[in-house]
Amino acid sequence: MTSAEDAIEKAAFDLLSAVADLGAPVYQHVPENTPPPVVIIGDIETVPIGGKDDPDRRATLSVMTVTEAEERKSLLQIKGKAEAALDGAQAEHDGWTLSFAFIAATAVLTAEGDGYVGESRFQILALRA
């Protein structure tokens, strides 16, 4: 059986990739020299729900959005569509039932000042079916 982290990553990738007008490709690992905009399945942190031997997990997922633009608008549009796709989503993957809930977001100017980076965070309940 797949780990909770693997199930979350795959489900998030599938849900985001299914958004026809997302405005950016979705990656788990961005190929070298890929220009923005991109949406990246980022860090996943998990903890057992009921104790150290409990297979069920409470997880936090970061989804990163990177754009290259003078204004924040394109970042906010892509990030908003990604958030809408995952918030409230229910998915099943390889023996896991997953429930996604949006919890927070940021949008900041890049250090170079030529684009924006956004992070959208989600809490996921991953229950072994």
Protein backbone atom coordinates (compact mmCIF):
# COMPACT_ATOMS: atom_id res chain seq x y z
CA MET A 1 0.00 0.00 0.00
CA THR A 2 1.11 3.53 -0.78
CA SER A 3 2.09 5.89 2.05
CA ALA A 4 -0.23 8.74 3.03
CA GLU A 5 2.30 11.22 1.63
CA ASP A 6 2.39 9.49 -1.76
CA ALA A 7 -1.42 9.32 -1.89
CA ILE A 8 -1.73 13.03 -1.04
CA GLU A 9 0.86 14.03 -3.65
CA LYS A 10 -0.79 11.95 -6.39
CA ALA A 11 -4.34 13.09 -5.54
CA ALA A 12 -3.31 16.77 -5.41
CA PHE A 13 -1.49 16.42 -8.73
CA ASP A 14 -4.51 14.77 -10.36
CA LEU A 15 -6.98 17.34 -8.97
CA LEU A 16 -4.86 20.32 -10.05
CA SER A 17 -4.04 18.83 -13.47
CA ALA A 18 -7.78 18.39 -14.10
CA VAL A 19 -8.35 22.18 -13.99
CA ALA A 20 -8.61 22.98 -17.71
CA ASP A 21 -7.95 26.71 -17.40
CA LEU A 22 -5.48 26.68 -14.49
CA GLY A 23 -3.06 28.87 -16.44
CA ALA A 24 0.10 26.93 -15.57
CA PRO A 25 1.40 23.37 -15.77
CA VAL A 26 1.49 21.33 -12.57
CA TYR A 27 4.67 19.63 -11.42
CA GLN A 28 5.89 17.52 -8.56
CA HIS A 29 9.46 18.15 -9.71
CA VAL A 30 9.92 21.06 -12.11
CA PRO A 31 12.22 20.21 -15.03
CA GLU A 32 15.34 22.34 -15.24
CA ASN A 33 14.95 25.56 -17.28
CA THR A 34 11.13 25.46 -17.15
CA PRO A 35 9.90 29.06 -17.38
CA PRO A 36 7.12 30.41 -15.13
CA PRO A 37 4.24 30.21 -14.59
CA VAL A 38 4.27 26.86 -12.81
CA VAL A 39 2.32 25.22 -10.00
CA ILE A 40 4.37 22.93 -7.78
CA ILE A 41 3.22 20.25 -5.36
CA GLY A 42 5.45 21.22 -2.43
CA ASP A 43 6.13 20.06 1.09
CA ILE A 44 3.93 17.52 2.85
CA GLU A 45 4.04 17.12 6.62
CA THR A 46 2.10 14.36 8.36
CA VAL A 47 1.36 13.30 11.93
CA PRO A 48 -0.59 10.28 13.16
CA ILE A 49 -4.12 11.19 14.22
CA GLY A 50 -4.53 8.74 17.08
CA GLY A 51 -1.00 7.99 18.24
CA LYS A 52 2.31 6.82 16.89
CA ASP A 53 1.04 3.50 15.47
CA ASP A 54 -2.15 4.90 13.93
CA PRO A 55 -2.01 4.64 10.11
CA ASP A 56 -4.43 7.57 9.71
CA ARG A 57 -2.75 10.93 9.22
CA ARG A 58 -3.39 14.65 9.52
CA ALA A 59 -1.27 16.36 6.89
CA THR A 60 -0.34 19.81 5.70
CA LEU A 61 0.36 20.32 2.00
CA SER A 62 2.01 23.35 0.41
CA VAL A 63 1.21 24.19 -3.20
CA MET A 64 3.57 26.75 -4.69
CA THR A 65 2.70 29.02 -7.63
CA VAL A 66 5.48 30.89 -9.45
CA THR A 67 4.87 33.61 -12.02
CA GLU A 68 7.00 36.08 -13.91
CA ALA A 69 5.09 39.34 -14.16
CA GLU A 70 5.17 42.95 -13.03
CA GLU A 71 1.83 42.62 -11.27
CA ARG A 72 0.47 40.13 -8.78
CA LYS A 73 -2.76 39.59 -10.76
CA SER A 74 -1.64 36.53 -12.76
CA LEU A 75 -0.33 34.86 -9.60
CA LEU A 76 -3.58 35.49 -7.74
CA GLN A 77 -5.64 34.10 -10.64
CA ILE A 78 -3.66 30.85 -10.90
CA LYS A 79 -3.38 30.46 -7.13
CA GLY A 80 -7.11 31.09 -6.70
CA LYS A 81 -8.00 28.37 -9.21
CA ALA A 82 -5.64 25.93 -7.51
CA GLU A 83 -7.15 26.73 -4.11
CA ALA A 84 -10.68 26.27 -5.46
CA ALA A 85 -9.72 22.92 -6.99
CA LEU A 86 -8.41 21.49 -3.70
CA ASP A 87 -10.54 23.19 -1.03
CA GLY A 88 -13.25 20.76 0.01
CA ALA A 89 -12.02 18.07 -2.41
CA GLN A 90 -12.50 14.42 -1.53
CA ALA A 91 -10.32 11.82 -3.21
CA GLU A 92 -9.47 8.15 -2.93
CA HIS A 93 -6.10 6.78 -3.88
CA ASP A 94 -4.58 3.35 -3.33
CA GLY A 95 -6.41 2.54 -0.11
CA TRP A 96 -6.57 6.10 1.28
CA THR A 97 -9.56 8.41 1.63
CA LEU A 98 -8.40 12.03 1.50
CA SER A 99 -10.23 15.21 2.51
CA PHE A 100 -8.65 18.56 1.60
CA ALA A 101 -9.32 21.92 3.31
CA PHE A 102 -7.69 25.27 2.51
CA ILE A 103 -6.03 26.88 5.56
CA ALA A 104 -3.79 29.80 4.46
CA ALA A 105 -2.01 31.53 1.60
CA THR A 106 0.77 34.01 0.88
CA ALA A 107 1.85 35.94 -2.20
CA VAL A 108 5.26 37.65 -2.25
CA LEU A 109 7.48 39.46 -4.74
CA THR A 110 10.55 37.47 -5.82
CA ALA A 111 13.95 38.64 -4.60
CA GLU A 112 14.77 39.72 -8.16
CA GLY A 113 11.54 41.72 -8.37
CA ASP A 114 10.54 40.19 -11.69
CA GLY A 115 7.71 37.95 -10.51
CA TYR A 116 5.70 36.57 -7.63
CA VAL A 117 5.65 33.38 -5.60
CA GLY A 118 2.54 32.20 -3.84
CA GLU A 119 2.07 29.44 -1.31
CA SER A 120 -1.31 27.86 -0.63
CA ARG A 121 -1.53 25.55 2.37
CA PHE A 122 -4.07 22.81 2.88
CA GLN A 123 -4.89 20.48 5.73
CA ILE A 124 -5.66 16.93 4.66
CA LEU A 125 -7.18 14.09 6.59
CA ALA A 126 -5.77 10.86 5.19
CA LEU A 127 -7.72 7.84 6.40
CA ARG A 128 -6.73 4.32 5.49
CA ALA A 129 -9.73 2.74 3.81
